[in-house]
């Protein structure tokens, strides 16, 4: 989970952008932090680029799929 020191730099903006799940290799629509739903690994990612592919991010339980969710955006996502 991302940590921060100064809450003045963050703004809570619930919205549909944070409810979408993405597969490895799909293009990330927003820049920000993405978290794998099944292992909780997090990556910083640039919008418009493909998310970390299957062969780069591995799970110890190979039966759990890699699924990314945007958890912090460098906004205008929400």
C-alpha atoms as a PDB file:
ATOM      1  CA  UNK A   1       0.000   0.000   0.000  1.00  0.00           C
ATOM      2  CA  UNK A   2       1.393   3.433  -0.863  1.00  0.00           C
ATOM      3  CA  UNK A   3       2.604   5.523   2.046  1.00  0.00           C
ATOM      4  CA  UNK A   4       2.781   9.293   2.244  1.00  0.00           C
ATOM      5  CA  UNK A   5       3.994  11.962   4.626  1.00  0.00           C
ATOM      6  CA  UNK A   6       1.967  15.048   3.746  1.00  0.00           C
ATOM      7  CA  UNK A   7      -1.770  14.683   3.059  1.00  0.00           C
ATOM      8  CA  UNK A   8      -1.773  18.073   1.312  1.00  0.00           C
ATOM      9  CA  UNK A   9      -0.322  16.317  -1.745  1.00  0.00           C
ATOM     10  CA  UNK A  10      -3.196  13.819  -2.039  1.00  0.00           C
ATOM     11  CA  UNK A  11      -6.857  14.225  -2.885  1.00  0.00           C
ATOM     12  CA  UNK A  12      -9.521  11.550  -2.385  1.00  0.00           C
ATOM     13  CA  UNK A  13     -11.521  11.254  -5.591  1.00  0.00           C
ATOM     14  CA  UNK A  14     -13.596   8.107  -5.852  1.00  0.00           C
ATOM     15  CA  UNK A  15     -14.467   7.270  -9.402  1.00  0.00           C
ATOM     16  CA  UNK A  16     -14.865   4.563 -12.011  1.00  0.00           C
ATOM     17  CA  UNK A  17     -11.183   4.711 -13.019  1.00  0.00           C
ATOM     18  CA  UNK A  18     -10.315   2.889  -9.787  1.00  0.00           C
ATOM     19  CA  UNK A  19     -12.794   0.040 -10.347  1.00  0.00           C
ATOM     20  CA  UNK A  20     -11.404  -1.371 -13.592  1.00  0.00           C
ATOM     21  CA  UNK A  21      -9.212  -4.496 -13.678  1.00  0.00           C
ATOM     22  CA  UNK A  22      -6.459  -4.861 -16.298  1.00  0.00           C
ATOM     23  CA  UNK A  23      -4.574  -7.880 -17.576  1.00  0.00           C
ATOM     24  CA  UNK A  24      -0.813  -8.053 -18.091  1.00  0.00           C
ATOM     25  CA  UNK A  25       0.218  -6.315 -21.290  1.00  0.00           C
ATOM     26  CA  UNK A  26      -2.923  -4.159 -21.533  1.00  0.00           C
ATOM     27  CA  UNK A  27      -2.300  -0.443 -21.965  1.00  0.00           C
ATOM     28  CA  UNK A  28      -2.704   1.496 -18.740  1.00  0.00           C
ATOM     29  CA  UNK A  29      -5.046   4.425 -19.373  1.00  0.00           C
ATOM     30  CA  UNK A  30      -3.655   6.499 -16.478  1.00  0.00           C
ATOM     31  CA  UNK A  31      -0.272   7.137 -14.925  1.00  0.00           C
ATOM     32  CA  UNK A  32      -0.081   6.069 -11.305  1.00  0.00           C
ATOM     33  CA  UNK A  33       0.305   3.089  -8.999  1.00  0.00           C
ATOM     34  CA  UNK A  34      -1.274  -0.224  -9.987  1.00  0.00           C
ATOM     35  CA  UNK A  35      -1.718  -3.134  -7.549  1.00  0.00           C
ATOM     36  CA  UNK A  36      -2.068  -6.809  -8.384  1.00  0.00           C
ATOM     37  CA  UNK A  37      -5.387  -8.014  -6.991  1.00  0.00           C
ATOM     38  CA  UNK A  38      -4.012 -11.460  -6.110  1.00  0.00           C
ATOM     39  CA  UNK A  39      -0.558 -10.856  -4.631  1.00  0.00           C
ATOM     40  CA  UNK A  40      -0.692  -7.160  -3.600  1.00  0.00           C
ATOM     41  CA  UNK A  41       2.483  -6.292  -5.536  1.00  0.00           C
ATOM     42  CA  UNK A  42       2.475  -2.672  -6.685  1.00  0.00           C
ATOM     43  CA  UNK A  43       4.047  -0.966  -9.682  1.00  0.00           C
ATOM     44  CA  UNK A  44       4.385   2.663 -10.732  1.00  0.00           C
ATOM     45  CA  UNK A  45       3.308   2.981 -14.324  1.00  0.00           C
ATOM     46  CA  UNK A  46       3.027   5.552 -17.109  1.00  0.00           C
ATOM     47  CA  UNK A  47      -0.337   5.951 -18.781  1.00  0.00           C
ATOM     48  CA  UNK A  48      -0.488   4.730 -22.359  1.00  0.00           C
ATOM     49  CA  UNK A  49       2.187   2.070 -21.844  1.00  0.00           C
ATOM     50  CA  UNK A  50       1.465  -1.668 -21.534  1.00  0.00           C
ATOM     51  CA  UNK A  51       1.238  -2.964 -17.979  1.00  0.00           C
ATOM     52  CA  UNK A  52       3.883  -5.360 -16.713  1.00  0.00           C
ATOM     53  CA  UNK A  53       3.650  -8.552 -18.796  1.00  0.00           C
ATOM     54  CA  UNK A  54       2.999 -12.046 -17.480  1.00  0.00           C
ATOM     55  CA  UNK A  55       6.625 -13.118 -17.949  1.00  0.00           C
ATOM     56  CA  UNK A  56       7.964 -10.199 -15.868  1.00  0.00           C
ATOM     57  CA  UNK A  57       5.671 -10.428 -12.830  1.00  0.00           C
ATOM     58  CA  UNK A  58       5.213 -13.927 -11.387  1.00  0.00           C
ATOM     59  CA  UNK A  59       3.133 -15.310  -8.537  1.00  0.00           C
ATOM     60  CA  UNK A  60       4.309 -18.009  -6.157  1.00  0.00           C
ATOM     61  CA  UNK A  61       0.892 -19.612  -6.699  1.00  0.00           C
ATOM     62  CA  UNK A  62       0.898 -19.993 -10.478  1.00  0.00           C
ATOM     63  CA  UNK A  63      -2.872 -20.608 -10.517  1.00  0.00           C
ATOM     64  CA  UNK A  64      -3.695 -17.066  -9.396  1.00  0.00           C
ATOM     65  CA  UNK A  65      -3.946 -14.703 -12.362  1.00  0.00           C
ATOM     66  CA  UNK A  66      -2.149 -11.376 -12.520  1.00  0.00           C
ATOM     67  CA  UNK A  67      -4.792  -8.649 -12.498  1.00  0.00           C
ATOM     68  CA  UNK A  68      -3.892  -4.961 -12.107  1.00  0.00           C
ATOM     69  CA  UNK A  69      -6.035  -2.210 -10.525  1.00  0.00           C
ATOM     70  CA  UNK A  70      -5.278   1.508 -10.426  1.00  0.00           C
ATOM     71  CA  UNK A  71      -4.998   2.525  -6.758  1.00  0.00           C
ATOM     72  CA  UNK A  72      -3.352   5.973  -6.999  1.00  0.00           C
ATOM     73  CA  UNK A  73      -3.437   8.222 -10.047  1.00  0.00           C
ATOM     74  CA  UNK A  74      -1.428  11.247 -11.087  1.00  0.00           C
ATOM     75  CA  UNK A  75      -4.787  12.610 -11.915  1.00  0.00           C
ATOM     76  CA  UNK A  76      -7.197  13.522 -14.043  1.00  0.00           C
ATOM     77  CA  UNK A  77      -8.296   9.899 -13.792  1.00  0.00           C
ATOM     78  CA  UNK A  78     -11.318  10.143 -11.556  1.00  0.00           C
END
